[in-house]
Amino acid sequence: MKINIDTDPAIIEEALQVLSQHLEPSKLMRFLAVCNLDSVDYLNLKEKLFEGETVDSLYEKIKTLEDEDVI
């Protein structure tokens, strides 16, 4: 029987994908800062988190959250 064992970076990547789907980007970044995950490639993560976003679209999302008193 063969067992596939993911590498640590692969597990971290998967966990970050799950977290990014359930946390606001600012909370995810704070989480990463608290955990001090030095092996995380922030630029790669940023590209995945904000893929297809513009400054204007992010502003609208932030404004909506502020108006709903979420942040």
N, C-alpha and C. Protein backbone atom coordinates (compact mmCIF):
# COMPACT_ATOMS: atom_id res chain seq x y z
N MET A 1 0.84 -1.17 0.00
CA MET A 1 0.00 0.00 0.00
C MET A 1 0.89 1.23 0.00
N LYS A 2 0.56 2.17 -0.88
CA LYS A 2 1.33 3.40 -0.99
C LYS A 2 0.57 4.52 -0.28
N ILE A 3 1.29 5.27 0.52
CA ILE A 3 0.69 6.41 1.23
C ILE A 3 1.32 7.68 0.69
N ASN A 4 0.48 8.61 0.28
CA ASN A 4 0.97 9.91 -0.17
C ASN A 4 1.06 10.84 1.02
N ILE A 5 2.23 11.38 1.24
CA ILE A 5 2.44 12.32 2.32
C ILE A 5 2.80 13.65 1.70
N ASP A 6 1.95 14.63 1.94
CA ASP A 6 2.21 15.96 1.40
C ASP A 6 3.39 16.60 2.12
N THR A 7 4.05 17.49 1.43
CA THR A 7 5.13 18.24 2.05
C THR A 7 4.54 19.32 2.95
N ASP A 8 5.33 19.82 3.87
CA ASP A 8 4.86 20.88 4.76
C ASP A 8 4.38 22.10 3.97
N PRO A 9 5.14 22.58 2.99
CA PRO A 9 4.66 23.74 2.22
C PRO A 9 3.32 23.46 1.51
N ALA A 10 3.13 22.23 1.05
CA ALA A 10 1.86 21.89 0.38
C ALA A 10 0.70 21.94 1.37
N ILE A 11 0.93 21.47 2.58
CA ILE A 11 -0.11 21.52 3.61
C ILE A 11 -0.42 22.96 3.99
N ILE A 12 0.63 23.75 4.14
CA ILE A 12 0.42 25.18 4.47
C ILE A 12 -0.35 25.87 3.36
N GLU A 13 0.00 25.57 2.13
CA GLU A 13 -0.69 26.17 0.97
C GLU A 13 -2.17 25.81 0.99
N GLU A 14 -2.48 24.55 1.24
CA GLU A 14 -3.87 24.11 1.28
C GLU A 14 -4.63 24.79 2.42
N ALA A 15 -4.00 24.88 3.58
CA ALA A 15 -4.63 25.53 4.73
C ALA A 15 -4.89 27.00 4.45
N LEU A 16 -3.95 27.66 3.79
CA LEU A 16 -4.14 29.07 3.47
C LEU A 16 -5.26 29.27 2.46
N GLN A 17 -5.42 28.35 1.55
CA GLN A 17 -6.52 28.43 0.60
C GLN A 17 -7.86 28.33 1.31
N VAL A 18 -7.96 27.42 2.27
CA VAL A 18 -9.19 27.27 3.04
C VAL A 18 -9.45 28.53 3.86
N LEU A 19 -8.42 29.01 4.54
CA LEU A 19 -8.58 30.22 5.34
C LEU A 19 -8.96 31.42 4.48
N SER A 20 -8.37 31.52 3.30
CA SER A 20 -8.65 32.68 2.44
C SER A 20 -10.10 32.67 1.95
N GLN A 21 -10.72 31.50 1.93
CA GLN A 21 -12.12 31.42 1.52
C GLN A 21 -13.06 31.80 2.65
N HIS A 22 -12.58 31.75 3.89
CA HIS A 22 -13.45 31.96 5.04
C HIS A 22 -13.09 33.18 5.89
N LEU A 23 -11.97 33.80 5.60
CA LEU A 23 -11.57 34.99 6.35
C LEU A 23 -11.43 36.18 5.42
N GLU A 24 -11.67 37.35 5.96
CA GLU A 24 -11.39 38.57 5.21
C GLU A 24 -9.87 38.62 5.00
N PRO A 25 -9.44 39.20 3.88
CA PRO A 25 -8.00 39.26 3.61
C PRO A 25 -7.19 39.89 4.75
N SER A 26 -7.72 40.93 5.38
CA SER A 26 -6.98 41.57 6.46
C SER A 26 -6.81 40.62 7.65
N LYS A 27 -7.83 39.81 7.94
CA LYS A 27 -7.72 38.85 9.03
C LYS A 27 -6.74 37.74 8.69
N LEU A 28 -6.73 37.33 7.44
CA LEU A 28 -5.77 36.30 7.03
C LEU A 28 -4.35 36.81 7.17
N MET A 29 -4.10 38.03 6.76
CA MET A 29 -2.76 38.60 6.87
C MET A 29 -2.35 38.74 8.34
N ARG A 30 -3.28 39.13 9.20
CA ARG A 30 -2.98 39.22 10.63
C ARG A 30 -2.67 37.84 11.19
N PHE A 31 -3.43 36.83 10.76
CA PHE A 31 -3.19 35.45 11.19
C PHE A 31 -1.78 35.02 10.81
N LEU A 32 -1.39 35.31 9.59
CA LEU A 32 -0.05 34.94 9.14
C LEU A 32 1.02 35.65 9.95
N ALA A 33 0.78 36.91 10.28
CA ALA A 33 1.74 37.66 11.09
C ALA A 33 1.86 37.04 12.48
N VAL A 34 0.74 36.65 13.07
CA VAL A 34 0.75 36.06 14.40
C VAL A 34 1.46 34.71 14.39
N CYS A 35 1.21 33.93 13.35
CA CYS A 35 1.83 32.60 13.25
C CYS A 35 3.29 32.67 12.84
N ASN A 36 3.68 33.80 12.27
CA ASN A 36 5.07 33.99 11.84
C ASN A 36 5.50 32.87 10.89
N LEU A 37 4.72 32.64 9.87
CA LEU A 37 5.02 31.59 8.89
C LEU A 37 6.00 32.14 7.86
N ASP A 38 7.27 32.02 8.17
CA ASP A 38 8.31 32.59 7.31
C ASP A 38 8.36 31.94 5.93
N SER A 39 7.92 30.70 5.83
CA SER A 39 8.03 30.00 4.56
C SER A 39 6.91 30.38 3.58
N VAL A 40 5.95 31.19 4.02
CA VAL A 40 4.86 31.58 3.14
C VAL A 40 5.35 32.64 2.16
N ASP A 41 5.10 32.41 0.91
CA ASP A 41 5.47 33.37 -0.13
C ASP A 41 4.34 34.40 -0.23
N TYR A 42 4.52 35.53 0.45
CA TYR A 42 3.47 36.53 0.52
C TYR A 42 3.05 37.02 -0.86
N LEU A 43 4.00 37.24 -1.75
CA LEU A 43 3.65 37.76 -3.07
C LEU A 43 2.78 36.77 -3.84
N ASN A 44 3.12 35.50 -3.75
CA ASN A 44 2.32 34.46 -4.40
C ASN A 44 0.92 34.40 -3.78
N LEU A 45 0.86 34.46 -2.45
CA LEU A 45 -0.42 34.44 -1.75
C LEU A 45 -1.26 35.66 -2.12
N LYS A 46 -0.63 36.81 -2.17
CA LYS A 46 -1.33 38.05 -2.53
C LYS A 46 -1.95 37.93 -3.92
N GLU A 47 -1.19 37.37 -4.85
CA GLU A 47 -1.71 37.19 -6.21
C GLU A 47 -2.94 36.29 -6.22
N LYS A 48 -2.92 35.24 -5.43
CA LYS A 48 -4.06 34.32 -5.38
C LYS A 48 -5.26 34.96 -4.68
N LEU A 49 -5.01 35.69 -3.58
CA LEU A 49 -6.10 36.30 -2.82
C LEU A 49 -6.81 37.38 -3.61
N PHE A 50 -6.03 38.16 -4.35
CA PHE A 50 -6.60 39.33 -5.02
C PHE A 50 -6.66 39.18 -6.54
N GLU A 51 -6.64 37.93 -7.01
CA GLU A 51 -6.71 37.67 -8.45
C GLU A 51 -7.98 38.29 -9.03
N GLY A 52 -7.81 39.05 -10.07
CA GLY A 52 -8.95 39.66 -10.74
C GLY A 52 -9.49 40.90 -10.04
N GLU A 53 -8.89 41.29 -8.94
CA GLU A 53 -9.36 42.47 -8.21
C GLU A 53 -8.63 43.72 -8.69
N THR A 54 -9.32 44.83 -8.58
CA THR A 54 -8.70 46.12 -8.85
C THR A 54 -8.78 46.94 -7.57
N VAL A 55 -8.11 48.06 -7.57
CA VAL A 55 -8.21 48.95 -6.41
C VAL A 55 -9.66 49.35 -6.20
N ASP A 56 -10.36 49.64 -7.28
CA ASP A 56 -11.76 50.05 -7.19
C ASP A 56 -12.65 48.92 -6.65
N SER A 57 -12.43 47.69 -7.10
CA SER A 57 -13.28 46.59 -6.63
C SER A 57 -13.00 46.29 -5.16
N LEU A 58 -11.73 46.38 -4.76
CA LEU A 58 -11.40 46.17 -3.35
C LEU A 58 -11.98 47.29 -2.48
N TYR A 59 -11.92 48.51 -2.99
CA TYR A 59 -12.50 49.63 -2.26
C TYR A 59 -13.99 49.42 -2.03
N GLU A 60 -14.69 48.97 -3.07
CA GLU A 60 -16.13 48.74 -2.94
C GLU A 60 -16.43 47.65 -1.92
N LYS A 61 -15.63 46.59 -1.91
CA LYS A 61 -15.83 45.53 -0.93
C LYS A 61 -15.59 46.03 0.49
N ILE A 62 -14.54 46.82 0.66
CA ILE A 62 -14.25 47.38 1.99
C ILE A 62 -15.36 48.32 2.41
N LYS A 63 -15.81 49.16 1.50
CA LYS A 63 -16.88 50.11 1.80
C LYS A 63 -18.16 49.36 2.21
N THR A 64 -18.49 48.28 1.51
CA THR A 64 -19.67 47.48 1.85
C THR A 64 -19.54 46.89 3.25
N LEU A 65 -18.36 46.35 3.57
CA LEU A 65 -18.15 45.79 4.90
C LEU A 65 -18.23 46.87 5.97
N GLU A 66 -17.70 48.03 5.69
CA GLU A 66 -17.79 49.13 6.65
C GLU A 66 -19.23 49.55 6.86
N ASP A 67 -19.99 49.64 5.78
CA ASP A 67 -21.40 50.04 5.88
C ASP A 67 -22.22 49.02 6.65
N GLU A 68 -21.81 47.76 6.60
CA GLU A 68 -22.51 46.71 7.33
C GLU A 68 -21.96 46.54 8.74
N ASP A 69 -21.03 47.40 9.13
CA ASP A 69 -20.36 47.35 10.44
C ASP A 69 -19.67 46.02 10.70
N VAL A 70 -19.17 45.41 9.63
CA VAL A 70 -18.44 44.15 9.77
C VAL A 70 -17.00 44.44 10.21
N ILE A 71 -16.46 45.56 9.69
CA ILE A 71 -15.09 45.93 10.08
C ILE A 71 -15.08 47.29 10.71
